[in-house]
Amino acid sequence: MYQTETIGLDEAQKAIQAILTEQAKDPDKRAISIAVADANGDLIAFARMEGGRPMTGEVATRKAYTSVRMRNNSGVAAERVKQGGMNPTDIDPKMIAAQGGVCIMKPGTQICVGAIGVSGLAAPEDEALAEKGMQAMGLK
């Protein structure tokens, strides 16, 4: 029998809280959306800050999904696919070619247990916040 290791709701909520706490320090009060997905790419938890643009929710969710499906950060995965002359949506229409999704690997292994996607800021800022969430889970 095959068993899949995956993050759960407790870890997802820790990540979201850490990201929201970090973003609350933003002097410009820019709003973001956060999506946390399990090892299959299915949404576990989601948050959109007040004033966040509706589209950021979909983008954050697709960044997390892309990270899980490609077993890599979404920006790295998108670049790898582009080098092959394709777009991630050519492989799966739910994927996205955008930085800001972080693949969560089980420590000491190459097993992807989930991902965090953040959207609403510049791509490197989104990814940095996703990394903060992963650190809060104790999985970095």
N, C-alpha and C. Protein backbone atom coordinates (compact mmCIF):
# COMPACT_ATOMS: atom_id res chain seq x y z
N MET A 1 0.85 -1.18 0.00
CA MET A 1 0.00 0.00 0.00
C MET A 1 0.89 1.24 0.00
N TYR A 2 0.52 2.21 -0.80
CA TYR A 2 1.28 3.45 -0.94
C TYR A 2 0.66 4.51 -0.03
N GLN A 3 1.50 5.20 0.74
CA GLN A 3 1.03 6.27 1.61
C GLN A 3 1.74 7.56 1.23
N THR A 4 1.00 8.65 1.23
CA THR A 4 1.54 9.94 0.89
C THR A 4 1.73 10.78 2.14
N GLU A 5 2.91 11.37 2.28
CA GLU A 5 3.15 12.29 3.38
C GLU A 5 2.75 13.68 2.90
N THR A 6 2.07 14.41 3.77
CA THR A 6 1.59 15.73 3.39
C THR A 6 1.48 16.62 4.62
N ILE A 7 1.53 17.91 4.40
CA ILE A 7 1.30 18.84 5.50
C ILE A 7 -0.20 18.84 5.80
N GLY A 8 -0.54 19.30 6.99
CA GLY A 8 -1.93 19.35 7.40
C GLY A 8 -2.38 20.76 7.71
N LEU A 9 -3.58 20.86 8.22
CA LEU A 9 -4.18 22.16 8.52
C LEU A 9 -3.38 22.93 9.57
N ASP A 10 -2.87 22.25 10.59
CA ASP A 10 -2.10 22.95 11.63
C ASP A 10 -0.88 23.65 11.03
N GLU A 11 -0.14 22.95 10.19
CA GLU A 11 1.04 23.56 9.56
C GLU A 11 0.62 24.70 8.64
N ALA A 12 -0.45 24.49 7.89
CA ALA A 12 -0.93 25.53 6.97
C ALA A 12 -1.32 26.80 7.72
N GLN A 13 -2.00 26.64 8.83
CA GLN A 13 -2.41 27.81 9.61
C GLN A 13 -1.20 28.53 10.22
N LYS A 14 -0.19 27.78 10.65
CA LYS A 14 1.04 28.41 11.16
C LYS A 14 1.69 29.25 10.06
N ALA A 15 1.75 28.70 8.87
CA ALA A 15 2.36 29.41 7.75
C ALA A 15 1.60 30.69 7.44
N ILE A 16 0.29 30.59 7.35
CA ILE A 16 -0.52 31.76 7.03
C ILE A 16 -0.36 32.83 8.11
N GLN A 17 -0.39 32.44 9.36
CA GLN A 17 -0.26 33.42 10.44
C GLN A 17 1.10 34.12 10.39
N ALA A 18 2.16 33.37 10.14
CA ALA A 18 3.50 33.95 10.06
C ALA A 18 3.60 34.94 8.90
N ILE A 19 3.01 34.59 7.77
CA ILE A 19 3.05 35.47 6.60
C ILE A 19 2.23 36.73 6.86
N LEU A 20 1.06 36.58 7.42
CA LEU A 20 0.23 37.76 7.73
C LEU A 20 0.91 38.67 8.73
N THR A 21 1.56 38.08 9.73
CA THR A 21 2.29 38.87 10.73
C THR A 21 3.42 39.65 10.07
N GLU A 22 4.15 38.98 9.18
CA GLU A 22 5.25 39.64 8.47
C GLU A 22 4.73 40.76 7.56
N GLN A 23 3.66 40.49 6.83
CA GLN A 23 3.14 41.49 5.90
C GLN A 23 2.51 42.67 6.63
N ALA A 24 2.06 42.47 7.85
CA ALA A 24 1.47 43.57 8.64
C ALA A 24 2.51 44.65 8.94
N LYS A 25 3.78 44.30 8.82
CA LYS A 25 4.88 45.27 9.05
C LYS A 25 5.10 46.18 7.84
N ASP A 26 4.48 45.86 6.71
CA ASP A 26 4.67 46.62 5.48
C ASP A 26 4.17 48.05 5.67
N PRO A 27 5.05 49.04 5.53
CA PRO A 27 4.64 50.43 5.75
C PRO A 27 3.58 50.91 4.75
N ASP A 28 3.52 50.29 3.58
CA ASP A 28 2.54 50.68 2.57
C ASP A 28 1.21 49.94 2.72
N LYS A 29 1.16 48.99 3.66
CA LYS A 29 -0.07 48.23 3.94
C LYS A 29 -0.62 47.54 2.69
N ARG A 30 0.27 46.98 1.87
CA ARG A 30 -0.16 46.28 0.67
C ARG A 30 -0.80 44.94 1.05
N ALA A 31 -1.90 44.63 0.43
CA ALA A 31 -2.64 43.40 0.75
C ALA A 31 -2.18 42.25 -0.14
N ILE A 32 -2.18 41.06 0.42
CA ILE A 32 -1.77 39.86 -0.29
C ILE A 32 -2.80 38.75 -0.10
N SER A 33 -2.65 37.71 -0.92
CA SER A 33 -3.38 36.47 -0.74
C SER A 33 -2.37 35.36 -0.53
N ILE A 34 -2.76 34.37 0.28
CA ILE A 34 -1.90 33.24 0.62
C ILE A 34 -2.68 31.95 0.41
N ALA A 35 -2.08 31.01 -0.28
CA ALA A 35 -2.69 29.69 -0.47
C ALA A 35 -1.70 28.62 -0.03
N VAL A 36 -2.18 27.65 0.73
CA VAL A 36 -1.35 26.53 1.15
C VAL A 36 -1.99 25.26 0.60
N ALA A 37 -1.19 24.49 -0.11
CA ALA A 37 -1.68 23.26 -0.75
C ALA A 37 -1.00 22.03 -0.14
N ASP A 38 -1.69 20.90 -0.22
CA ASP A 38 -1.12 19.64 0.27
C ASP A 38 -0.24 19.00 -0.80
N ALA A 39 0.20 17.79 -0.56
CA ALA A 39 1.12 17.10 -1.46
C ALA A 39 0.53 16.80 -2.83
N ASN A 40 -0.79 16.90 -2.97
CA ASN A 40 -1.44 16.69 -4.27
C ASN A 40 -1.70 18.00 -5.00
N GLY A 41 -1.49 19.12 -4.32
CA GLY A 41 -1.78 20.42 -4.91
C GLY A 41 -3.16 20.93 -4.55
N ASP A 42 -3.87 20.19 -3.69
CA ASP A 42 -5.20 20.61 -3.27
C ASP A 42 -5.10 21.64 -2.15
N LEU A 43 -5.97 22.64 -2.19
CA LEU A 43 -5.96 23.72 -1.22
C LEU A 43 -6.31 23.21 0.17
N ILE A 44 -5.46 23.58 1.16
CA ILE A 44 -5.72 23.26 2.56
C ILE A 44 -6.24 24.49 3.28
N ALA A 45 -5.58 25.62 3.04
CA ALA A 45 -5.95 26.86 3.73
C ALA A 45 -5.67 28.05 2.81
N PHE A 46 -6.45 29.11 3.04
CA PHE A 46 -6.36 30.30 2.19
C PHE A 46 -6.66 31.53 3.03
N ALA A 47 -6.00 32.64 2.70
CA ALA A 47 -6.32 33.92 3.33
C ALA A 47 -6.08 35.03 2.33
N ARG A 48 -6.98 36.01 2.32
CA ARG A 48 -6.78 37.22 1.53
C ARG A 48 -6.98 38.39 2.48
N MET A 49 -5.98 39.25 2.55
CA MET A 49 -6.04 40.41 3.42
C MET A 49 -7.11 41.39 2.93
N GLU A 50 -7.65 42.16 3.87
CA GLU A 50 -8.62 43.18 3.50
C GLU A 50 -8.01 44.10 2.46
N GLY A 51 -8.79 44.38 1.43
CA GLY A 51 -8.31 45.25 0.37
C GLY A 51 -7.54 44.52 -0.72
N GLY A 52 -7.34 43.21 -0.54
CA GLY A 52 -6.62 42.44 -1.55
C GLY A 52 -7.43 42.28 -2.82
N ARG A 53 -6.77 42.41 -3.93
CA ARG A 53 -7.45 42.25 -5.21
C ARG A 53 -7.94 40.81 -5.36
N PRO A 54 -9.14 40.61 -5.86
CA PRO A 54 -9.69 39.26 -5.99
C PRO A 54 -8.79 38.32 -6.80
N MET A 55 -8.16 38.83 -7.86
CA MET A 55 -7.34 37.97 -8.70
C MET A 55 -6.14 37.38 -7.96
N THR A 56 -5.66 38.06 -6.91
CA THR A 56 -4.49 37.53 -6.19
C THR A 56 -4.79 36.18 -5.55
N GLY A 57 -6.02 35.93 -5.21
CA GLY A 57 -6.38 34.64 -4.63
C GLY A 57 -6.17 33.51 -5.61
N GLU A 58 -6.64 33.70 -6.83
CA GLU A 58 -6.46 32.68 -7.87
C GLU A 58 -4.98 32.49 -8.19
N VAL A 59 -4.24 33.58 -8.26
CA VAL A 59 -2.82 33.50 -8.59
C VAL A 59 -2.05 32.77 -7.48
N ALA A 60 -2.32 33.10 -6.22
CA ALA A 60 -1.64 32.43 -5.11
C ALA A 60 -1.93 30.93 -5.13
N THR A 61 -3.18 30.58 -5.38
CA THR A 61 -3.57 29.17 -5.42
C THR A 61 -2.85 28.44 -6.56
N ARG A 62 -2.76 29.07 -7.71
CA ARG A 62 -2.08 28.45 -8.85
C ARG A 62 -0.57 28.37 -8.63
N LYS A 63 0.01 29.33 -7.92
CA LYS A 63 1.45 29.25 -7.61
C LYS A 63 1.72 28.05 -6.71
N ALA A 64 0.89 27.85 -5.69
CA ALA A 64 1.08 26.70 -4.80
C ALA A 64 0.90 25.40 -5.58
N TYR A 65 -0.13 25.33 -6.39
CA TYR A 65 -0.41 24.14 -7.19
C TYR A 65 0.76 23.82 -8.12
N THR A 66 1.27 24.84 -8.81
CA THR A 66 2.40 24.65 -9.72
C THR A 66 3.62 24.11 -8.98
N SER A 67 3.88 24.66 -7.79
CA SER A 67 5.04 24.22 -7.01
C SER A 67 4.94 22.75 -6.64
N VAL A 68 3.75 22.31 -6.24
CA VAL A 68 3.57 20.89 -5.90
C VAL A 68 3.71 20.02 -7.14
N ARG A 69 3.02 20.37 -8.19
CA ARG A 69 3.02 19.53 -9.39
C ARG A 69 4.39 19.42 -10.04
N MET A 70 5.17 20.51 -9.98
CA MET A 70 6.49 20.50 -10.59
C MET A 70 7.59 20.15 -9.59
N ARG A 71 7.21 20.01 -8.32
CA ARG A 71 8.15 19.65 -7.25
C ARG A 71 9.33 20.63 -7.19
N ASN A 72 8.98 21.93 -7.35
CA ASN A 72 9.99 22.98 -7.31
C ASN A 72 9.27 24.30 -7.07
N ASN A 73 10.03 25.33 -6.73
CA ASN A 73 9.42 26.64 -6.60
C ASN A 73 8.82 27.04 -7.95
N SER A 74 7.70 27.74 -7.92
CA SER A 74 6.96 28.02 -9.16
C SER A 74 7.77 28.81 -10.18
N GLY A 75 8.58 29.75 -9.74
CA GLY A 75 9.40 30.52 -10.67
C GLY A 75 10.45 29.68 -11.36
N VAL A 76 11.10 28.81 -10.62
CA VAL A 76 12.11 27.89 -11.17
C VAL A 76 11.45 26.92 -12.14
N ALA A 77 10.32 26.38 -11.74
CA ALA A 77 9.60 25.43 -12.59
C ALA A 77 9.18 26.09 -13.90
N ALA A 78 8.68 27.31 -13.82
CA ALA A 78 8.25 28.02 -15.03
C ALA A 78 9.42 28.24 -15.98
N GLU A 79 10.56 28.63 -15.45
CA GLU A 79 11.74 28.86 -16.29
C GLU A 79 12.19 27.56 -16.95
N ARG A 80 12.14 26.47 -16.22
CA ARG A 80 12.55 25.17 -16.77
C ARG A 80 11.65 24.79 -17.94
N VAL A 81 10.36 24.97 -17.79
CA VAL A 81 9.42 24.64 -18.85
C VAL A 81 9.60 25.57 -20.05
N LYS A 82 9.81 26.86 -19.79
CA LYS A 82 10.03 27.82 -20.87
C LYS A 82 11.26 27.48 -21.69
N GLN A 83 12.30 26.96 -21.03
CA GLN A 83 13.51 26.57 -21.76
C GLN A 83 13.21 25.48 -22.78
N GLY A 84 12.18 24.71 -22.51
CA GLY A 84 11.75 23.68 -23.45
C GLY A 84 10.78 24.20 -24.50
N GLY A 85 10.60 25.53 -24.54
CA GLY A 85 9.74 26.14 -25.53
C GLY A 85 8.26 26.04 -25.22
N MET A 86 7.94 25.81 -23.94
CA MET A 86 6.54 25.66 -23.55
C MET A 86 6.19 26.64 -22.44
N ASN A 87 4.93 26.67 -22.09
CA ASN A 87 4.43 27.41 -20.96
C ASN A 87 3.84 26.37 -20.00
N PRO A 88 3.92 26.57 -18.68
CA PRO A 88 3.35 25.57 -17.76
C PRO A 88 1.90 25.22 -18.06
N THR A 89 1.12 26.17 -18.59
CA THR A 89 -0.28 25.87 -18.91
C THR A 89 -0.41 24.88 -20.07
N ASP A 90 0.67 24.70 -20.85
CA ASP A 90 0.66 23.68 -21.89
C ASP A 90 0.62 22.29 -21.27
N ILE A 91 1.17 22.16 -20.09
CA ILE A 91 1.21 20.89 -19.38
C ILE A 91 -0.07 20.67 -18.58
N ASP A 92 -0.49 21.72 -17.89
CA ASP A 92 -1.66 21.65 -17.02
C ASP A 92 -2.25 23.06 -16.95
N PRO A 93 -3.49 23.25 -17.36
CA PRO A 93 -4.06 24.61 -17.40
C PRO A 93 -4.19 25.28 -16.03
N LYS A 94 -4.06 24.52 -14.94
CA LYS A 94 -4.14 25.12 -13.61
C LYS A 94 -2.79 25.67 -13.14
N MET A 95 -1.72 25.37 -13.86
CA MET A 95 -0.40 25.87 -13.47
C MET A 95 -0.22 27.30 -13.96
N ILE A 96 0.82 27.95 -13.43
CA ILE A 96 1.08 29.35 -13.77
C ILE A 96 2.59 29.58 -13.87
N ALA A 97 2.97 30.47 -14.77
CA ALA A 97 4.38 30.83 -14.95
C ALA A 97 4.66 32.09 -14.15
N ALA A 98 4.79 31.94 -12.83
CA ALA A 98 5.00 33.10 -11.96
C ALA A 98 5.75 32.70 -10.70
N GLN A 99 6.69 33.51 -10.30
CA GLN A 99 7.43 33.30 -9.06
C GLN A 99 6.52 33.66 -7.88
N GLY A 100 6.70 32.95 -6.77
CA GLY A 100 5.92 33.24 -5.57
C GLY A 100 5.33 32.01 -4.93
N GLY A 101 5.55 30.86 -5.54
CA GLY A 101 5.14 29.59 -4.96
C GLY A 101 6.37 28.84 -4.48
N VAL A 102 6.31 28.28 -3.28
CA VAL A 102 7.44 27.58 -2.69
C VAL A 102 7.04 26.14 -2.40
N CYS A 103 7.80 25.20 -2.95
CA CYS A 103 7.58 23.78 -2.70
C CYS A 103 8.16 23.41 -1.33
N ILE A 104 7.37 22.72 -0.54
CA ILE A 104 7.81 22.32 0.80
C ILE A 104 8.25 20.87 0.75
N MET A 105 9.53 20.66 1.00
CA MET A 105 10.08 19.31 1.01
C MET A 105 10.22 18.82 2.46
N LYS A 106 9.93 17.56 2.65
CA LYS A 106 10.16 16.96 3.96
C LYS A 106 11.65 17.06 4.25
N PRO A 107 12.02 17.59 5.43
CA PRO A 107 13.44 17.78 5.73
C PRO A 107 14.26 16.49 5.53
N GLY A 108 15.39 16.66 4.88
CA GLY A 108 16.31 15.55 4.66
C GLY A 108 15.90 14.60 3.55
N THR A 109 14.85 14.95 2.78
CA THR A 109 14.39 14.08 1.70
C THR A 109 14.11 14.91 0.46
N GLN A 110 13.69 14.23 -0.58
CA GLN A 110 13.22 14.88 -1.80
C GLN A 110 11.72 14.68 -1.95
N ILE A 111 11.02 14.53 -0.81
CA ILE A 111 9.59 14.30 -0.81
C ILE A 111 8.85 15.63 -0.64
N CYS A 112 8.06 15.99 -1.65
CA CYS A 112 7.25 17.21 -1.58
C CYS A 112 6.02 16.93 -0.73
N VAL A 113 5.84 17.71 0.33
CA VAL A 113 4.71 17.50 1.23
C VAL A 113 3.66 18.61 1.12
N GLY A 114 3.89 19.58 0.22
CA GLY A 114 2.95 20.67 0.03
C GLY A 114 3.62 21.88 -0.57
N ALA A 115 2.90 23.00 -0.56
CA ALA A 115 3.46 24.24 -1.11
C ALA A 115 2.68 25.43 -0.58
N ILE A 116 3.34 26.58 -0.64
CA ILE A 116 2.72 27.85 -0.27
C ILE A 116 2.83 28.79 -1.46
N GLY A 117 1.74 29.44 -1.79
CA GLY A 117 1.74 30.45 -2.84
C GLY A 117 1.30 31.78 -2.26
N VAL A 118 2.00 32.84 -2.63
CA VAL A 118 1.67 34.19 -2.19
C VAL A 118 1.55 35.06 -3.43
N SER A 119 0.58 35.98 -3.42
CA SER A 119 0.39 36.89 -4.54
C SER A 119 -0.09 38.24 -4.03
N GLY A 120 0.34 39.29 -4.72
CA GLY A 120 -0.09 40.64 -4.40
C GLY A 120 1.04 41.65 -4.40
N LEU A 121 2.26 41.16 -4.33
CA LEU A 121 3.44 42.03 -4.32
C LEU A 121 4.28 41.72 -5.55
N ALA A 122 5.48 42.29 -5.61
CA ALA A 122 6.42 41.91 -6.66
C ALA A 122 6.80 40.44 -6.44
N ALA A 123 7.05 39.72 -7.51
CA ALA A 123 7.31 38.28 -7.44
C ALA A 123 8.36 37.88 -6.40
N PRO A 124 9.53 38.56 -6.32
CA PRO A 124 10.51 38.16 -5.31
C PRO A 124 10.00 38.36 -3.87
N GLU A 125 9.17 39.40 -3.67
CA GLU A 125 8.59 39.63 -2.35
C GLU A 125 7.58 38.54 -2.00
N ASP A 126 6.79 38.13 -2.99
CA ASP A 126 5.85 37.03 -2.77
C ASP A 126 6.59 35.77 -2.33
N GLU A 127 7.67 35.45 -3.03
CA GLU A 127 8.43 34.25 -2.71
C GLU A 127 9.07 34.35 -1.33
N ALA A 128 9.59 35.51 -0.98
CA ALA A 128 10.21 35.70 0.34
C ALA A 128 9.18 35.48 1.45
N LEU A 129 7.95 35.95 1.24
CA LEU A 129 6.90 35.73 2.24
C LEU A 129 6.53 34.25 2.33
N ALA A 130 6.45 33.58 1.20
CA ALA A 130 6.17 32.14 1.21
C ALA A 130 7.25 31.38 1.98
N GLU A 131 8.50 31.79 1.81
CA GLU A 131 9.60 31.18 2.56
C GLU A 131 9.42 31.39 4.06
N LYS A 132 8.95 32.58 4.46
CA LYS A 132 8.68 32.85 5.89
C LYS A 132 7.65 31.87 6.43
N GLY A 133 6.63 31.59 5.63
CA GLY A 133 5.62 30.64 6.04
C GLY A 133 6.16 29.25 6.22
N MET A 134 7.05 28.86 5.29
CA MET A 134 7.66 27.54 5.40
C MET A 134 8.52 27.45 6.65
N GLN A 135 9.24 28.50 6.96
CA GLN A 135 10.06 28.52 8.19
C GLN A 135 9.18 28.36 9.42
N ALA A 136 8.02 28.99 9.42
CA ALA A 136 7.11 28.91 10.56
C ALA A 136 6.63 27.49 10.79
N MET A 137 6.57 26.70 9.74
CA MET A 137 6.17 25.29 9.86
C MET A 137 7.27 24.44 10.44
N GLY A 138 8.48 24.99 10.49
CA GLY A 138 9.62 24.20 10.96
C GLY A 138 10.08 23.19 9.92
N LEU A 139 9.83 23.47 8.65
CA LEU A 139 10.19 22.54 7.59
C LEU A 139 11.23 23.10 6.65
N LYS A 140 12.01 24.04 7.11
CA LYS A 140 13.06 24.61 6.25
C LYS A 140 14.40 24.35 6.88
